[in-house]
Amino acid sequence: MLSLYDILKTARTGITPSLWNMAAARAFFGETFERTDENDYVYNDHTIIFYKGGKLRPKVPETLGNNAMTEIAAEAFSGSSVNAVKLPEGMEVIR
């Protein structure tokens, strides 16, 4: 992840605005996700049905209630103020 110093240094070197925007986006959307737990979700077996937590950038855990989460409902984050979600490696299906 880029540091603020790297971003500012890039801005002073005359790099094109599109590259600057890409560098800023990488810094902003880097690993800035917030940890969540089973209290933040409604889930059934291996499927996340609904997110009821209050974090803006939740990181979905690999397991909830001792079950590996492999599916997520398409409407799971609708109605929330979430602006980005980090899904676990094993997530296979979004319905």
N, C-alpha and C. Protein backbone atom coordinates (compact mmCIF):
# COMPACT_ATOMS: atom_id res chain seq x y z
N MET A 1 0.84 -1.17 0.00
CA MET A 1 0.00 0.00 0.00
C MET A 1 0.89 1.24 0.00
N LEU A 2 0.46 2.24 -0.74
CA LEU A 2 1.22 3.47 -0.81
C LEU A 2 1.05 4.29 0.46
N SER A 3 2.13 4.91 0.89
CA SER A 3 2.04 5.81 2.03
C SER A 3 1.68 7.20 1.55
N LEU A 4 1.28 8.07 2.47
CA LEU A 4 0.98 9.44 2.11
C LEU A 4 2.21 10.11 1.51
N TYR A 5 3.38 9.82 2.04
CA TYR A 5 4.63 10.37 1.49
C TYR A 5 4.79 9.99 0.03
N ASP A 6 4.54 8.72 -0.31
CA ASP A 6 4.67 8.27 -1.69
C ASP A 6 3.70 9.01 -2.61
N ILE A 7 2.49 9.24 -2.13
CA ILE A 7 1.49 9.94 -2.94
C ILE A 7 1.93 11.39 -3.18
N LEU A 8 2.36 12.05 -2.12
CA LEU A 8 2.78 13.44 -2.27
C LEU A 8 4.02 13.55 -3.16
N LYS A 9 4.94 12.62 -3.03
CA LYS A 9 6.13 12.62 -3.86
C LYS A 9 5.75 12.42 -5.33
N THR A 10 4.80 11.53 -5.59
CA THR A 10 4.32 11.28 -6.94
C THR A 10 3.71 12.54 -7.54
N ALA A 11 2.97 13.29 -6.72
CA ALA A 11 2.31 14.51 -7.21
C ALA A 11 3.33 15.56 -7.65
N ARG A 12 4.48 15.61 -7.03
CA ARG A 12 5.49 16.62 -7.35
C ARG A 12 6.39 16.23 -8.52
N THR A 13 6.29 15.03 -9.02
CA THR A 13 7.22 14.57 -10.05
C THR A 13 6.71 14.79 -11.46
N GLY A 14 5.53 15.36 -11.63
CA GLY A 14 5.00 15.62 -12.96
C GLY A 14 4.34 14.42 -13.61
N ILE A 15 3.99 13.41 -12.83
CA ILE A 15 3.30 12.24 -13.37
C ILE A 15 1.89 12.66 -13.79
N THR A 16 1.37 12.05 -14.83
CA THR A 16 0.06 12.42 -15.37
C THR A 16 -1.04 12.31 -14.33
N PRO A 17 -2.10 13.12 -14.50
CA PRO A 17 -3.21 13.09 -13.53
C PRO A 17 -3.86 11.71 -13.42
N SER A 18 -3.96 10.96 -14.51
CA SER A 18 -4.59 9.65 -14.41
C SER A 18 -3.77 8.70 -13.54
N LEU A 19 -2.45 8.77 -13.65
CA LEU A 19 -1.59 7.95 -12.79
C LEU A 19 -1.68 8.41 -11.34
N TRP A 20 -1.76 9.73 -11.14
CA TRP A 20 -1.93 10.27 -9.79
C TRP A 20 -3.24 9.77 -9.19
N ASN A 21 -4.33 9.79 -9.97
CA ASN A 21 -5.62 9.31 -9.48
C ASN A 21 -5.55 7.83 -9.12
N MET A 22 -4.86 7.05 -9.93
CA MET A 22 -4.73 5.63 -9.65
C MET A 22 -3.94 5.41 -8.35
N ALA A 23 -2.88 6.18 -8.15
CA ALA A 23 -2.08 6.05 -6.93
C ALA A 23 -2.89 6.45 -5.70
N ALA A 24 -3.67 7.53 -5.83
CA ALA A 24 -4.51 7.97 -4.70
C ALA A 24 -5.59 6.93 -4.40
N ALA A 25 -6.18 6.35 -5.44
CA ALA A 25 -7.21 5.33 -5.23
C ALA A 25 -6.63 4.10 -4.55
N ARG A 26 -5.43 3.69 -4.96
CA ARG A 26 -4.80 2.52 -4.32
C ARG A 26 -4.56 2.78 -2.84
N ALA A 27 -4.15 4.01 -2.51
CA ALA A 27 -3.90 4.34 -1.10
C ALA A 27 -5.21 4.38 -0.32
N PHE A 28 -6.26 4.95 -0.92
CA PHE A 28 -7.54 5.07 -0.23
C PHE A 28 -8.22 3.72 -0.06
N PHE A 29 -8.19 2.90 -1.12
CA PHE A 29 -8.90 1.63 -1.07
C PHE A 29 -8.00 0.46 -0.70
N GLY A 30 -6.85 0.72 -0.12
CA GLY A 30 -5.96 -0.35 0.30
C GLY A 30 -6.59 -1.21 1.38
N GLU A 31 -5.86 -1.62 2.31
CA GLU A 31 -6.35 -2.49 3.37
C GLU A 31 -7.00 -1.69 4.49
N THR A 32 -8.00 -0.91 4.16
CA THR A 32 -8.67 -0.08 5.16
C THR A 32 -10.05 -0.65 5.52
N PHE A 33 -10.19 -1.95 5.51
CA PHE A 33 -11.46 -2.58 5.84
C PHE A 33 -11.52 -2.88 7.33
N GLU A 34 -12.74 -2.88 7.86
CA GLU A 34 -12.95 -3.10 9.29
C GLU A 34 -13.40 -4.53 9.57
N ARG A 35 -12.82 -5.11 10.59
CA ARG A 35 -13.15 -6.48 10.97
C ARG A 35 -14.60 -6.57 11.43
N THR A 36 -15.27 -7.64 11.04
CA THR A 36 -16.64 -7.91 11.48
C THR A 36 -16.69 -9.30 12.09
N ASP A 37 -17.80 -9.60 12.76
CA ASP A 37 -17.96 -10.94 13.33
C ASP A 37 -19.39 -11.42 13.11
N GLU A 38 -19.73 -12.56 13.66
CA GLU A 38 -21.04 -13.16 13.38
C GLU A 38 -22.22 -12.33 13.87
N ASN A 39 -21.99 -11.41 14.80
CA ASN A 39 -23.07 -10.54 15.26
C ASN A 39 -23.47 -9.51 14.21
N ASP A 40 -22.64 -9.31 13.19
CA ASP A 40 -22.91 -8.32 12.14
C ASP A 40 -23.70 -8.90 10.97
N TYR A 41 -24.01 -10.19 11.00
CA TYR A 41 -24.63 -10.84 9.84
C TYR A 41 -25.83 -11.70 10.23
N VAL A 42 -26.73 -11.85 9.28
CA VAL A 42 -27.74 -12.91 9.32
C VAL A 42 -27.24 -13.92 8.30
N TYR A 43 -27.06 -15.15 8.72
CA TYR A 43 -26.49 -16.16 7.82
C TYR A 43 -27.15 -17.50 8.07
N ASN A 44 -27.05 -18.37 7.09
CA ASN A 44 -27.63 -19.70 7.17
C ASN A 44 -26.63 -20.67 6.55
N ASP A 45 -26.15 -21.59 7.33
CA ASP A 45 -25.14 -22.55 6.88
C ASP A 45 -23.93 -21.81 6.28
N HIS A 46 -23.78 -21.85 4.97
CA HIS A 46 -22.61 -21.27 4.32
C HIS A 46 -22.93 -20.00 3.53
N THR A 47 -24.11 -19.43 3.78
CA THR A 47 -24.58 -18.28 3.00
C THR A 47 -24.83 -17.07 3.88
N ILE A 48 -24.29 -15.92 3.49
CA ILE A 48 -24.60 -14.66 4.16
C ILE A 48 -25.86 -14.11 3.52
N ILE A 49 -26.88 -13.90 4.34
CA ILE A 49 -28.17 -13.44 3.84
C ILE A 49 -28.30 -11.93 3.94
N PHE A 50 -27.82 -11.36 5.06
CA PHE A 50 -28.00 -9.93 5.29
C PHE A 50 -26.92 -9.40 6.21
N TYR A 51 -26.44 -8.20 5.92
CA TYR A 51 -25.47 -7.51 6.78
C TYR A 51 -26.23 -6.53 7.65
N LYS A 52 -26.10 -6.67 8.95
CA LYS A 52 -26.80 -5.78 9.87
C LYS A 52 -25.84 -4.93 10.70
N GLY A 53 -24.56 -5.00 10.38
CA GLY A 53 -23.55 -4.21 11.08
C GLY A 53 -23.56 -2.76 10.62
N GLY A 54 -22.77 -1.95 11.27
CA GLY A 54 -22.74 -0.53 10.97
C GLY A 54 -21.45 -0.02 10.36
N LYS A 55 -20.56 -0.89 9.99
CA LYS A 55 -19.28 -0.46 9.43
C LYS A 55 -19.44 -0.08 7.96
N LEU A 56 -18.70 0.94 7.52
CA LEU A 56 -18.78 1.41 6.14
C LEU A 56 -17.99 0.54 5.17
N ARG A 57 -16.93 -0.11 5.67
CA ARG A 57 -16.07 -0.94 4.84
C ARG A 57 -15.81 -2.27 5.55
N PRO A 58 -16.84 -3.13 5.61
CA PRO A 58 -16.68 -4.39 6.35
C PRO A 58 -15.81 -5.41 5.63
N LYS A 59 -15.09 -6.17 6.43
CA LYS A 59 -14.31 -7.30 5.93
C LYS A 59 -15.06 -8.56 6.37
N VAL A 60 -15.60 -9.28 5.41
CA VAL A 60 -16.38 -10.48 5.71
C VAL A 60 -15.44 -11.58 6.18
N PRO A 61 -15.71 -12.18 7.36
CA PRO A 61 -14.83 -13.25 7.84
C PRO A 61 -14.99 -14.53 7.02
N GLU A 62 -13.97 -15.35 7.03
CA GLU A 62 -14.02 -16.61 6.29
C GLU A 62 -15.03 -17.57 6.89
N THR A 63 -15.19 -17.52 8.21
CA THR A 63 -16.15 -18.41 8.87
C THR A 63 -17.09 -17.61 9.77
N LEU A 64 -18.32 -18.09 9.85
CA LEU A 64 -19.31 -17.55 10.78
C LEU A 64 -19.98 -18.76 11.43
N GLY A 65 -20.00 -18.79 12.74
CA GLY A 65 -20.61 -19.92 13.44
C GLY A 65 -20.01 -21.25 13.06
N ASN A 66 -18.70 -21.32 12.90
CA ASN A 66 -17.97 -22.53 12.53
C ASN A 66 -18.27 -23.04 11.12
N ASN A 67 -18.91 -22.22 10.28
CA ASN A 67 -19.18 -22.59 8.89
C ASN A 67 -18.39 -21.69 7.96
N ALA A 68 -17.74 -22.28 6.97
CA ALA A 68 -17.05 -21.48 5.95
C ALA A 68 -18.09 -20.76 5.11
N MET A 69 -17.92 -19.47 4.92
CA MET A 69 -18.85 -18.68 4.12
C MET A 69 -18.43 -18.77 2.66
N THR A 70 -19.26 -19.41 1.83
CA THR A 70 -18.93 -19.60 0.42
C THR A 70 -19.92 -18.89 -0.50
N GLU A 71 -21.04 -18.41 0.04
CA GLU A 71 -22.04 -17.74 -0.78
C GLU A 71 -22.52 -16.48 -0.08
N ILE A 72 -22.99 -15.54 -0.89
CA ILE A 72 -23.53 -14.30 -0.35
C ILE A 72 -24.74 -13.91 -1.20
N ALA A 73 -25.82 -13.53 -0.54
CA ALA A 73 -27.02 -13.11 -1.26
C ALA A 73 -26.76 -11.78 -1.95
N ALA A 74 -27.32 -11.59 -3.13
CA ALA A 74 -27.10 -10.38 -3.91
C ALA A 74 -27.58 -9.13 -3.17
N GLU A 75 -28.58 -9.25 -2.35
CA GLU A 75 -29.15 -8.11 -1.63
C GLU A 75 -28.60 -8.00 -0.21
N ALA A 76 -27.56 -8.74 0.11
CA ALA A 76 -27.06 -8.81 1.48
C ALA A 76 -26.66 -7.45 2.06
N PHE A 77 -26.17 -6.55 1.24
CA PHE A 77 -25.71 -5.25 1.73
C PHE A 77 -26.64 -4.11 1.31
N SER A 78 -27.78 -4.43 0.73
CA SER A 78 -28.71 -3.38 0.31
C SER A 78 -29.34 -2.74 1.54
N GLY A 79 -29.61 -1.46 1.43
CA GLY A 79 -30.20 -0.74 2.55
C GLY A 79 -29.21 -0.30 3.60
N SER A 80 -27.94 -0.65 3.45
CA SER A 80 -26.92 -0.25 4.40
C SER A 80 -26.11 0.91 3.81
N SER A 81 -25.27 1.50 4.62
CA SER A 81 -24.44 2.61 4.13
C SER A 81 -23.04 2.13 3.74
N VAL A 82 -22.88 0.85 3.48
CA VAL A 82 -21.60 0.25 3.08
C VAL A 82 -21.16 0.83 1.74
N ASN A 83 -19.87 1.20 1.64
CA ASN A 83 -19.36 1.69 0.36
C ASN A 83 -18.32 0.76 -0.26
N ALA A 84 -17.87 -0.27 0.46
CA ALA A 84 -16.96 -1.27 -0.09
C ALA A 84 -16.97 -2.48 0.85
N VAL A 85 -16.78 -3.66 0.28
CA VAL A 85 -16.77 -4.90 1.05
C VAL A 85 -15.57 -5.73 0.62
N LYS A 86 -14.86 -6.30 1.59
CA LYS A 86 -13.77 -7.22 1.28
C LYS A 86 -14.29 -8.63 1.56
N LEU A 87 -14.32 -9.45 0.52
CA LEU A 87 -14.83 -10.82 0.64
C LEU A 87 -13.66 -11.77 0.91
N PRO A 88 -13.94 -12.88 1.62
CA PRO A 88 -12.87 -13.85 1.89
C PRO A 88 -12.48 -14.61 0.62
N GLU A 89 -11.32 -15.21 0.64
CA GLU A 89 -10.80 -15.97 -0.48
C GLU A 89 -11.75 -17.07 -0.93
N GLY A 90 -12.40 -17.75 -0.02
CA GLY A 90 -13.24 -18.90 -0.35
C GLY A 90 -14.62 -18.55 -0.88
N MET A 91 -14.95 -17.28 -0.98
CA MET A 91 -16.27 -16.87 -1.46
C MET A 91 -16.40 -17.26 -2.92
N GLU A 92 -17.36 -18.14 -3.23
CA GLU A 92 -17.48 -18.67 -4.58
C GLU A 92 -18.70 -18.18 -5.34
N VAL A 93 -19.80 -17.91 -4.64
CA VAL A 93 -21.06 -17.62 -5.32
C VAL A 93 -21.68 -16.37 -4.73
N ILE A 94 -22.10 -15.46 -5.60
CA ILE A 94 -22.90 -14.32 -5.17
C ILE A 94 -24.23 -14.46 -5.90
N ARG A 95 -25.28 -14.66 -5.13
CA ARG A 95 -26.61 -14.90 -5.72
C ARG A 95 -27.47 -13.66 -5.67
